[in-house]
Amino acid sequence: MLDLPLLDLLKYDFMQRALIVAVLVGLIAPVIGTFLVQRRLALLGDGIGHVALTGVALGYLTGNSPVVVALLVAGAAAVLIELIRVRARASGDVALALLFYGGIAGGLLLIGLTPGANSATLTAFLFGSVSSVSQEDVWVIIGLAVVVIAVIGYFGRELFVLCQDEEVARAHGLPVRLLSMVIAVTAALTVVLAMRVVGVLLVSALMVVPVAAAQQLTRSFRVTMALAVGIGVLCAVGGLSTTYYVDVAPGGAIVLLALAVFTVAVAVSRLIRGRRGAPRAPREEVEVAGAGTMPQTDRGSVST
């Protein structure tokens, strides 16, 4: 019988669980990431991820599931940042900075209050850990993935319009504030979904880098999302498989692989433009439309 080394990792239960989670992470993260990138909120995942760290520490302190508590805390943080951004009219980067600093500080403080625990306890959540994924985590993460897919499937068209132009969304009578909350909370679910494999410090990269790579090669919103999902799954599984043979953190391997794909995509994009003799887009157009995803919604029509 043919012995394939790449199938060796499937012999172990912990790798089977980790691969299931990796596939789900690679599938979901670029989906919500496409909306975040289009709405200029690429760093939202980082801010929520740092607050999720506080939820992890709180879970250890109270003796509850760190993943479940992190989910509740991250969801509350997502709502809070939208309230700060809209009602207090604070700039998005200031709100994210508050989440960054408060999340890290809260996590370190609470883990220090937990008997028998220290900052090393958070390492698996900071950088990702293959062996720490339990069967309970798998079921929780599968449930979260189903919720994220359901939300995107239900609100997808409205979210597309909102991300392209908020004024167009208002003109169509869409609930802009509610949809903004949906994006933020769904991002929080995605962060908790991904933190076991990628780690909270790198989870935003898996939400953004595959999308950035796909944008180099596509112009349609849907095609960009589909290609980003393919890149995300490939990098998540490839990076995780690398950690089985090389003793490195899975999060770092996954993100570096995604960055490598992005580099190749940029090179291919420039090569194609060079052969076609296409002029570079003016800077104003790039800033308005984003690289690779041109707005496809005109006033009076809704199209994806």
Protein backbone atom coordinates (compact mmCIF):
# COMPACT_ATOMS: atom_id res chain seq x y z
CA MET A 1 0.00 0.00 0.00
CA LEU A 2 1.28 3.44 -0.93
CA ASP A 3 2.46 5.36 2.12
CA LEU A 4 1.88 9.09 1.80
CA PRO A 5 3.79 11.12 4.41
CA LEU A 6 1.24 13.94 4.26
CA LEU A 7 -1.42 11.55 5.52
CA ASP A 8 0.58 10.65 8.62
CA LEU A 9 -0.90 13.54 10.55
CA LEU A 10 -4.39 12.06 10.16
CA LYS A 11 -3.37 9.13 12.33
CA TYR A 12 -3.59 11.28 15.44
CA ASP A 13 -6.82 12.50 17.00
CA PHE A 14 -5.41 15.90 17.97
CA MET A 15 -4.32 16.56 14.38
CA GLN A 16 -7.72 15.51 13.05
CA ARG A 17 -9.38 17.99 15.39
CA ALA A 18 -6.90 20.71 14.49
CA LEU A 19 -7.40 20.16 10.74
CA ILE A 20 -11.18 20.41 11.08
CA VAL A 21 -10.78 23.72 12.87
CA ALA A 22 -8.16 24.89 10.35
CA VAL A 23 -10.50 24.25 7.42
CA LEU A 24 -13.31 26.14 9.16
CA VAL A 25 -10.99 29.03 9.99
CA GLY A 26 -9.63 29.19 6.44
CA LEU A 27 -13.20 29.21 5.13
CA ILE A 28 -14.80 31.77 7.45
CA ALA A 29 -12.02 34.29 8.14
CA PRO A 30 -11.62 35.51 4.51
CA VAL A 31 -15.41 35.74 4.11
CA ILE A 32 -15.88 38.27 6.89
CA GLY A 33 -12.48 39.72 6.03
CA THR A 34 -13.73 40.66 2.56
CA PHE A 35 -16.38 42.90 4.12
CA LEU A 36 -13.93 44.38 6.62
CA VAL A 37 -11.35 45.22 3.96
CA GLN A 38 -13.99 46.77 1.72
CA ARG A 39 -15.20 48.94 4.61
CA ARG A 40 -11.68 50.01 5.65
CA LEU A 41 -11.87 48.10 8.96
CA ALA A 42 -9.00 45.70 8.32
CA LEU A 43 -7.62 46.05 11.86
CA LEU A 44 -10.94 45.41 13.61
CA GLY A 45 -10.04 41.74 14.05
CA ASP A 46 -6.85 42.70 15.91
CA GLY A 47 -8.73 44.91 18.35
CA ILE A 48 -11.39 42.31 19.05
CA GLY A 49 -8.73 39.60 19.31
CA HIS A 50 -6.97 41.43 22.11
CA VAL A 51 -10.24 41.76 24.03
CA ALA A 52 -10.96 38.07 23.43
CA LEU A 53 -7.75 37.45 25.36
CA THR A 54 -9.41 39.03 28.38
CA GLY A 55 -12.31 36.63 27.88
CA VAL A 56 -9.92 33.67 27.82
CA ALA A 57 -8.33 34.78 31.10
CA LEU A 58 -11.77 35.36 32.62
CA GLY A 59 -12.78 31.85 31.61
CA TYR A 60 -9.77 30.39 33.43
CA LEU A 61 -10.45 32.57 36.48
CA THR A 62 -14.10 31.53 36.76
CA GLY A 63 -13.53 27.88 35.84
CA ASN A 64 -15.65 28.12 32.66
CA SER A 65 -14.80 27.34 29.05
CA PRO A 66 -12.26 29.93 27.83
CA VAL A 67 -13.69 29.76 24.31
CA VAL A 68 -17.28 30.40 25.39
CA VAL A 69 -16.33 33.26 27.72
CA ALA A 70 -14.08 34.75 25.04
CA LEU A 71 -17.04 34.62 22.66
CA LEU A 72 -19.22 36.61 25.05
CA VAL A 73 -16.52 39.17 25.82
CA ALA A 74 -15.52 39.59 22.16
CA GLY A 75 -19.16 40.05 21.14
CA ALA A 76 -19.63 42.73 23.79
CA ALA A 77 -16.42 44.44 22.64
CA ALA A 78 -17.64 44.44 19.03
CA VAL A 79 -20.85 46.19 20.05
CA LEU A 80 -18.91 48.61 22.25
CA ILE A 81 -16.56 49.69 19.49
CA GLU A 82 -19.48 50.48 17.21
CA LEU A 83 -21.14 52.54 19.94
CA ILE A 84 -17.90 54.42 20.55
CA ARG A 85 -17.40 55.00 16.85
CA VAL A 86 -20.95 56.20 16.15
CA ARG A 87 -22.31 57.79 19.33
CA ALA A 88 -19.14 59.23 20.81
CA ARG A 89 -17.95 60.05 17.29
CA ALA A 90 -14.46 58.88 18.15
CA SER A 91 -12.30 57.89 15.20
CA GLY A 92 -12.05 54.21 14.41
CA ASP A 93 -8.33 54.03 15.10
CA VAL A 94 -8.76 55.49 18.61
CA ALA A 95 -11.48 52.96 19.43
CA LEU A 96 -9.28 50.13 18.17
CA ALA A 97 -6.36 51.42 20.23
CA LEU A 98 -8.52 51.32 23.34
CA LEU A 99 -9.38 47.69 22.57
CA PHE A 100 -5.74 46.80 21.94
CA TYR A 101 -4.44 48.16 25.22
CA GLY A 102 -7.42 47.28 27.39
CA GLY A 103 -7.62 43.73 26.04
CA ILE A 104 -3.97 42.88 26.66
CA ALA A 105 -3.93 44.54 30.08
CA GLY A 106 -7.17 42.86 31.15
CA GLY A 107 -5.96 39.45 30.05
CA LEU A 108 -2.66 39.73 31.93
CA LEU A 109 -4.38 41.07 35.04
CA LEU A 110 -7.03 38.37 35.21
CA ILE A 111 -4.65 35.50 34.45
CA GLY A 112 -2.44 36.77 37.26
CA LEU A 113 -5.40 36.45 39.64
CA THR A 114 -6.07 32.84 38.57
CA PRO A 115 -4.63 30.29 41.05
CA GLY A 116 -1.92 28.14 39.46
CA ALA A 117 -1.89 30.13 36.24
CA ASN A 118 0.52 32.67 34.75
CA SER A 119 1.12 34.52 31.50
CA ALA A 120 2.43 31.32 29.91
CA THR A 121 -1.11 29.94 30.16
CA LEU A 122 -2.18 32.37 27.45
CA THR A 123 0.54 31.32 24.99
CA ALA A 124 -1.67 28.81 23.17
CA PHE A 125 -4.28 31.50 22.57
CA LEU A 126 -1.73 34.17 21.66
CA PHE A 127 0.05 32.18 18.95
CA GLY A 128 -2.18 29.17 18.34
CA SER A 129 -1.63 25.58 19.43
CA VAL A 130 -2.38 22.34 17.63
CA SER A 131 -2.45 20.06 20.67
CA SER A 132 -4.72 22.35 22.71
CA VAL A 133 -7.77 21.89 20.46
CA SER A 134 -10.19 19.65 22.39
CA GLN A 135 -13.27 17.85 21.11
CA GLU A 136 -15.40 20.38 22.99
CA ASP A 137 -13.61 23.18 21.16
CA VAL A 138 -14.33 21.48 17.83
CA TRP A 139 -18.08 21.37 18.47
CA VAL A 140 -18.16 24.96 19.72
CA ILE A 141 -16.19 26.17 16.69
CA ILE A 142 -18.40 24.20 14.28
CA GLY A 143 -21.41 25.90 15.87
CA LEU A 144 -19.78 29.32 15.50
CA ALA A 145 -18.94 28.61 11.86
CA VAL A 146 -22.56 27.69 11.12
CA VAL A 147 -23.74 30.93 12.74
CA VAL A 148 -21.27 33.04 10.73
CA ILE A 149 -22.25 31.35 7.45
CA ALA A 150 -25.95 31.81 8.26
CA VAL A 151 -25.50 35.50 9.06
CA ILE A 152 -23.51 36.17 5.88
CA GLY A 153 -26.00 34.19 3.82
CA TYR A 154 -28.94 36.15 5.22
CA PHE A 155 -27.43 39.65 5.26
CA GLY A 156 -24.91 39.23 2.44
CA ARG A 157 -26.50 41.55 -0.13
CA GLU A 158 -27.23 44.27 2.42
CA LEU A 159 -23.71 44.05 3.84
CA PHE A 160 -22.30 44.34 0.33
CA VAL A 161 -24.19 47.58 -0.28
CA LEU A 162 -23.16 48.97 3.11
CA CYS A 163 -19.49 48.20 2.51
CA GLN A 164 -19.53 49.82 -0.93
CA ASP A 165 -21.24 53.06 0.08
CA GLU A 166 -22.99 53.84 3.36
CA GLU A 167 -25.01 56.64 1.76
CA VAL A 168 -26.28 54.28 -0.93
CA ALA A 169 -27.31 51.88 1.83
CA ARG A 170 -29.25 54.66 3.57
CA ALA A 171 -30.87 55.65 0.28
CA HIS A 172 -32.14 52.09 -0.10
CA GLY A 173 -33.62 52.25 3.39
CA LEU A 174 -31.22 49.71 4.86
CA PRO A 175 -30.68 49.70 8.65
CA VAL A 176 -27.09 50.95 8.53
CA ARG A 177 -26.49 50.88 12.28
CA LEU A 178 -27.84 47.36 12.64
CA LEU A 179 -25.79 46.11 9.70
CA SER A 180 -22.67 47.73 11.14
CA MET A 181 -23.31 45.82 14.37
CA VAL A 182 -23.78 42.62 12.37
CA ILE A 183 -20.36 43.07 10.74
CA ALA A 184 -18.67 43.80 14.08
CA VAL A 185 -20.29 40.89 15.95
CA THR A 186 -19.64 38.48 13.07
CA ALA A 187 -16.00 39.57 13.12
CA ALA A 188 -15.95 38.78 16.85
CA LEU A 189 -17.32 35.29 16.18
CA THR A 190 -14.63 34.80 13.54
CA VAL A 191 -11.86 35.88 15.91
CA VAL A 192 -12.96 33.35 18.53
CA LEU A 193 -13.32 30.75 15.79
CA ALA A 194 -9.74 31.26 14.63
CA MET A 195 -7.81 31.91 17.83
CA ARG A 196 -7.18 28.23 18.64
CA VAL A 197 -5.29 27.65 15.40
CA VAL A 198 -3.88 31.05 14.42
CA GLY A 199 -3.76 32.80 17.80
CA VAL A 200 -5.34 36.14 18.67
CA LEU A 201 -2.21 38.07 17.70
CA LEU A 202 -2.38 36.84 14.10
CA VAL A 203 -6.08 36.16 13.56
CA SER A 204 -6.62 39.45 11.75
CA ALA A 205 -3.92 38.52 9.24
CA LEU A 206 -5.90 35.49 8.08
CA MET A 207 -8.93 37.73 7.69
CA VAL A 208 -7.06 40.31 5.61
CA VAL A 209 -4.08 38.79 3.75
CA PRO A 210 -6.03 36.23 1.64
CA VAL A 211 -8.44 39.00 0.66
CA ALA A 212 -5.56 41.31 -0.27
CA ALA A 213 -4.04 38.53 -2.37
CA ALA A 214 -7.33 37.80 -4.13
CA GLN A 215 -7.83 41.50 -4.89
CA GLN A 216 -4.64 41.50 -6.95
CA LEU A 217 -6.16 39.04 -9.40
CA THR A 218 -9.91 39.79 -9.44
CA ARG A 219 -12.30 42.70 -9.81
CA SER A 220 -15.65 41.13 -8.89
CA PHE A 221 -16.68 41.18 -5.23
CA ARG A 222 -17.98 37.62 -5.32
CA VAL A 223 -14.97 36.25 -7.18
CA THR A 224 -12.65 38.04 -4.76
CA MET A 225 -14.41 36.44 -1.82
CA ALA A 226 -14.38 32.97 -3.43
CA LEU A 227 -10.68 33.19 -4.28
CA ALA A 228 -9.87 34.55 -0.80
CA VAL A 229 -11.66 31.58 0.75
CA GLY A 230 -9.63 29.17 -1.40
CA ILE A 231 -6.40 30.90 -0.38
CA GLY A 232 -7.46 30.92 3.26
CA VAL A 233 -8.21 27.20 3.36
CA LEU A 234 -4.99 26.37 1.50
CA CYS A 235 -2.86 28.45 3.86
CA ALA A 236 -4.61 27.24 7.02
CA VAL A 237 -4.23 23.56 6.13
CA GLY A 238 -0.74 24.02 4.64
CA GLY A 239 0.54 26.01 7.61
CA LEU A 240 -0.95 23.61 10.12
CA SER A 241 0.53 20.61 8.29
CA THR A 242 3.93 22.31 8.41
CA THR A 243 3.77 22.46 12.21
CA TYR A 244 3.39 18.68 12.30
CA TYR A 245 6.79 18.20 10.67
CA VAL A 246 8.53 21.34 11.93
CA ASP A 247 8.25 22.50 15.53
CA VAL A 248 6.92 26.01 14.92
CA ALA A 249 3.82 27.91 16.03
CA PRO A 250 0.90 27.17 13.67
CA GLY A 251 -0.20 30.80 13.57
CA GLY A 252 3.16 31.97 12.28
CA ALA A 253 3.35 29.24 9.65
CA ILE A 254 -0.17 29.97 8.38
CA VAL A 255 0.32 33.73 8.16
CA LEU A 256 3.75 33.47 6.51
CA LEU A 257 2.29 31.10 3.91
CA ALA A 258 -0.52 33.58 3.28
CA LEU A 259 2.01 36.38 2.86
CA ALA A 260 3.93 34.23 0.38
CA VAL A 261 0.74 33.74 -1.64
CA PHE A 262 0.13 37.49 -1.53
CA THR A 263 3.64 38.13 -2.86
CA VAL A 264 3.07 35.72 -5.75
CA ALA A 265 -0.32 37.30 -6.47
CA VAL A 266 1.24 40.77 -6.67
CA ALA A 267 3.94 39.48 -9.05
CA VAL A 268 1.36 37.75 -11.27
CA SER A 269 -0.84 40.84 -11.29
CA ARG A 270 2.03 43.08 -12.38
CA LEU A 271 3.04 40.57 -15.05
CA ILE A 272 -0.48 40.50 -16.46
CA ARG A 273 -0.74 44.28 -16.46
CA GLY A 274 2.65 44.53 -18.14
CA ARG A 275 1.65 42.17 -20.94
CA ARG A 276 -1.61 43.98 -21.52
CA GLY A 277 0.06 47.36 -21.32
CA ALA A 278 -2.62 48.50 -18.89
CA PRO A 279 -1.85 51.81 -17.19
CA ARG A 280 -1.80 51.95 -13.41
CA ALA A 281 -5.02 53.22 -11.86
CA PRO A 282 -4.89 56.78 -10.50
CA ARG A 283 -4.30 56.96 -6.77
CA GLU A 284 -7.71 58.52 -6.19
CA GLU A 285 -9.48 55.54 -7.75
CA VAL A 286 -7.46 53.03 -5.76
CA GLU A 287 -8.29 54.75 -2.50
CA VAL A 288 -12.00 54.93 -3.28
CA ALA A 289 -12.50 51.46 -4.73
CA GLY A 290 -9.83 49.40 -3.07
CA ALA A 291 -7.37 47.27 -5.00
CA GLY A 292 -9.21 44.59 -6.93
CA THR A 293 -12.84 45.18 -5.86
CA MET A 294 -14.62 47.84 -7.86
CA PRO A 295 -17.93 49.13 -6.48
CA GLN A 296 -20.75 47.57 -8.43
CA THR A 297 -23.70 49.34 -6.86
CA ASP A 298 -25.14 52.45 -8.46
CA ARG A 299 -27.82 54.62 -6.93
CA GLY A 300 -31.18 53.05 -7.59
CA SER A 301 -29.86 49.50 -7.99
CA VAL A 302 -28.49 46.79 -5.76
CA SER A 303 -26.04 44.37 -7.38
CA THR A 304 -23.23 42.11 -6.29
